[in-house]
Amino acid sequence: MARYLYSFKMNSYIILTERLGLRRWLNSDIDSFIRMNKDNVVMKYFPKTFTDEETFEMIRKINSHFEINHFGLFAVEIKSAREFIGFTGFAISTF
């Protein structure tokens, strides 16, 4: 599966706080997100941990949701470190 997302500018924040920035996903988020999705502590309240392919599919669905609905799950970044730390937002459930 291709490891390509959309090419947004690094600091194209949608929402800013003093410490955090919410933005669309970047290619540089993928490896961190894969590690998070394999971590049992991080995924404690999810049904299971995710494989690489399941993580890629989740990102594809997040981006597709944005394209269709013009809102969705934003990547969260620590502004000072430019470090991806997770996601937050709203999405239409499909279950």
C-alpha atoms as a PDB file:
ATOM      1  CA  MET A   1       0.000   0.000   0.000  1.00  0.00           C
ATOM      2  CA  ALA A   2       1.264   3.472  -0.819  1.00  0.00           C
ATOM      3  CA  ARG A   3       2.522   5.565   2.070  1.00  0.00           C
ATOM      4  CA  TYR A   4       1.315   8.839   0.584  1.00  0.00           C
ATOM      5  CA  LEU A   5      -1.047  11.292   2.175  1.00  0.00           C
ATOM      6  CA  TYR A   6      -1.857  14.797   1.113  1.00  0.00           C
ATOM      7  CA  SER A   7       0.926  17.358   0.935  1.00  0.00           C
ATOM      8  CA  PHE A   8      -0.189  20.104   3.291  1.00  0.00           C
ATOM      9  CA  LYS A   9       2.197  22.714   4.605  1.00  0.00           C
ATOM     10  CA  MET A  10       3.822  21.675   7.889  1.00  0.00           C
ATOM     11  CA  ASN A  11       2.345  24.521   9.933  1.00  0.00           C
ATOM     12  CA  SER A  12      -1.094  24.658   8.324  1.00  0.00           C
ATOM     13  CA  TYR A  13      -2.876  24.471  11.651  1.00  0.00           C
ATOM     14  CA  ILE A  14      -6.658  24.422  11.684  1.00  0.00           C
ATOM     15  CA  ILE A  15      -6.890  25.073  15.436  1.00  0.00           C
ATOM     16  CA  LEU A  16      -4.183  26.391  17.749  1.00  0.00           C
ATOM     17  CA  THR A  17      -3.768  26.367  21.483  1.00  0.00           C
ATOM     18  CA  GLU A  18      -0.806  27.684  23.414  1.00  0.00           C
ATOM     19  CA  ARG A  19       0.901  24.283  23.195  1.00  0.00           C
ATOM     20  CA  LEU A  20      -0.831  22.247  20.490  1.00  0.00           C
ATOM     21  CA  GLY A  21      -1.760  22.543  16.850  1.00  0.00           C
ATOM     22  CA  LEU A  22      -4.501  20.588  15.075  1.00  0.00           C
ATOM     23  CA  ARG A  23      -3.899  19.994  11.387  1.00  0.00           C
ATOM     24  CA  ARG A  24      -4.500  17.608   8.519  1.00  0.00           C
ATOM     25  CA  TRP A  25      -2.317  14.499   8.437  1.00  0.00           C
ATOM     26  CA  LEU A  26       1.180  14.462   6.908  1.00  0.00           C
ATOM     27  CA  ASN A  27       3.315  11.635   5.563  1.00  0.00           C
ATOM     28  CA  SER A  28       5.652  12.206   8.506  1.00  0.00           C
ATOM     29  CA  ASP A  29       2.842  11.134  10.893  1.00  0.00           C
ATOM     30  CA  ILE A  30       2.612   7.598   9.528  1.00  0.00           C
ATOM     31  CA  ASP A  31       5.477   5.898  11.370  1.00  0.00           C
ATOM     32  CA  SER A  32       4.507   7.421  14.738  1.00  0.00           C
ATOM     33  CA  PHE A  33       0.883   6.430  14.200  1.00  0.00           C
ATOM     34  CA  ILE A  34       1.903   2.861  13.317  1.00  0.00           C
ATOM     35  CA  ARG A  35       3.887   2.632  16.575  1.00  0.00           C
ATOM     36  CA  MET A  36       0.963   4.053  18.588  1.00  0.00           C
ATOM     37  CA  ASN A  37      -1.484   1.593  17.051  1.00  0.00           C
ATOM     38  CA  LYS A  38       0.749  -1.359  18.014  1.00  0.00           C
ATOM     39  CA  ASP A  39       1.165  -0.229  21.642  1.00  0.00           C
ATOM     40  CA  ASN A  40      -1.061  -2.159  24.069  1.00  0.00           C
ATOM     41  CA  VAL A  41      -1.170   0.725  26.564  1.00  0.00           C
ATOM     42  CA  VAL A  42      -2.156   3.291  23.934  1.00  0.00           C
ATOM     43  CA  MET A  43      -4.780   0.955  22.473  1.00  0.00           C
ATOM     44  CA  LYS A  44      -6.193  -0.152  25.842  1.00  0.00           C
ATOM     45  CA  TYR A  45      -9.717   1.149  25.076  1.00  0.00           C
ATOM     46  CA  PHE A  46      -9.746   0.073  21.440  1.00  0.00           C
ATOM     47  CA  PRO A  47     -10.919  -3.417  20.457  1.00  0.00           C
ATOM     48  CA  LYS A  48      -7.371  -4.435  19.507  1.00  0.00           C
ATOM     49  CA  THR A  49      -4.006  -3.172  18.314  1.00  0.00           C
ATOM     50  CA  PHE A  50      -3.656  -2.481  14.579  1.00  0.00           C
ATOM     51  CA  THR A  51      -1.331  -3.899  11.954  1.00  0.00           C
ATOM     52  CA  ASP A  52       0.507  -1.587   9.560  1.00  0.00           C
ATOM     53  CA  GLU A  53      -2.113  -2.238   6.883  1.00  0.00           C
ATOM     54  CA  GLU A  54      -4.985  -1.504   9.288  1.00  0.00           C
ATOM     55  CA  THR A  55      -3.298   1.761  10.238  1.00  0.00           C
ATOM     56  CA  PHE A  56      -2.870   2.744   6.571  1.00  0.00           C
ATOM     57  CA  GLU A  57      -6.543   1.940   5.994  1.00  0.00           C
ATOM     58  CA  MET A  58      -7.559   4.058   8.998  1.00  0.00           C
ATOM     59  CA  ILE A  59      -5.597   7.037   7.643  1.00  0.00           C
ATOM     60  CA  ARG A  60      -7.162   6.507   4.209  1.00  0.00           C
ATOM     61  CA  LYS A  61     -10.617   6.552   5.796  1.00  0.00           C
ATOM     62  CA  ILE A  62      -9.773   9.682   7.816  1.00  0.00           C
ATOM     63  CA  ASN A  63      -8.689  11.502   4.640  1.00  0.00           C
ATOM     64  CA  SER A  64     -11.707  10.237   2.690  1.00  0.00           C
ATOM     65  CA  HIS A  65     -14.021  11.459   5.467  1.00  0.00           C
ATOM     66  CA  PHE A  66     -12.449  14.938   5.193  1.00  0.00           C
ATOM     67  CA  GLU A  67     -12.931  14.997   1.418  1.00  0.00           C
ATOM     68  CA  ILE A  68     -16.584  14.001   1.652  1.00  0.00           C
ATOM     69  CA  ASN A  69     -17.699  15.856   4.807  1.00  0.00           C
ATOM     70  CA  HIS A  70     -15.200  18.750   5.133  1.00  0.00           C
ATOM     71  CA  PHE A  71     -14.487  17.838   8.774  1.00  0.00           C
ATOM     72  CA  GLY A  72     -13.016  14.880  10.589  1.00  0.00           C
ATOM     73  CA  LEU A  73     -10.149  13.649  12.743  1.00  0.00           C
ATOM     74  CA  PHE A  74      -7.227  16.069  12.920  1.00  0.00           C
ATOM     75  CA  ALA A  75      -3.627  15.159  13.668  1.00  0.00           C
ATOM     76  CA  VAL A  76      -2.461  16.737  16.951  1.00  0.00           C
ATOM     77  CA  GLU A  77       1.038  18.150  17.116  1.00  0.00           C
ATOM     78  CA  ILE A  78       3.131  19.654  19.906  1.00  0.00           C
ATOM     79  CA  LYS A  79       3.986  22.955  18.246  1.00  0.00           C
ATOM     80  CA  SER A  80       7.355  23.559  19.911  1.00  0.00           C
ATOM     81  CA  ALA A  81       8.695  20.113  18.962  1.00  0.00           C
ATOM     82  CA  ARG A  82       6.685  19.652  15.742  1.00  0.00           C
ATOM     83  CA  GLU A  83       5.851  16.215  17.118  1.00  0.00           C
ATOM     84  CA  PHE A  84       2.745  14.220  16.165  1.00  0.00           C
ATOM     85  CA  ILE A  85       1.082  12.926  19.357  1.00  0.00           C
ATOM     86  CA  GLY A  86      -2.274  11.581  18.216  1.00  0.00           C
ATOM     87  CA  PHE A  87      -5.607  12.698  16.830  1.00  0.00           C
ATOM     88  CA  THR A  88      -8.850  14.334  17.836  1.00  0.00           C
ATOM     89  CA  GLY A  89     -11.986  15.553  16.148  1.00  0.00           C
ATOM     90  CA  PHE A  90     -15.401  14.503  14.980  1.00  0.00           C
ATOM     91  CA  ALA A  91     -16.375  11.797  12.528  1.00  0.00           C
ATOM     92  CA  ILE A  92     -19.573  10.216  11.307  1.00  0.00           C
ATOM     93  CA  SER A  93     -19.700   6.671  12.711  1.00  0.00           C
ATOM     94  CA  THR A  94     -20.162   3.821  10.267  1.00  0.00           C
ATOM     95  CA  PHE A  95     -21.113   1.147  12.787  1.00  0.00           C
END
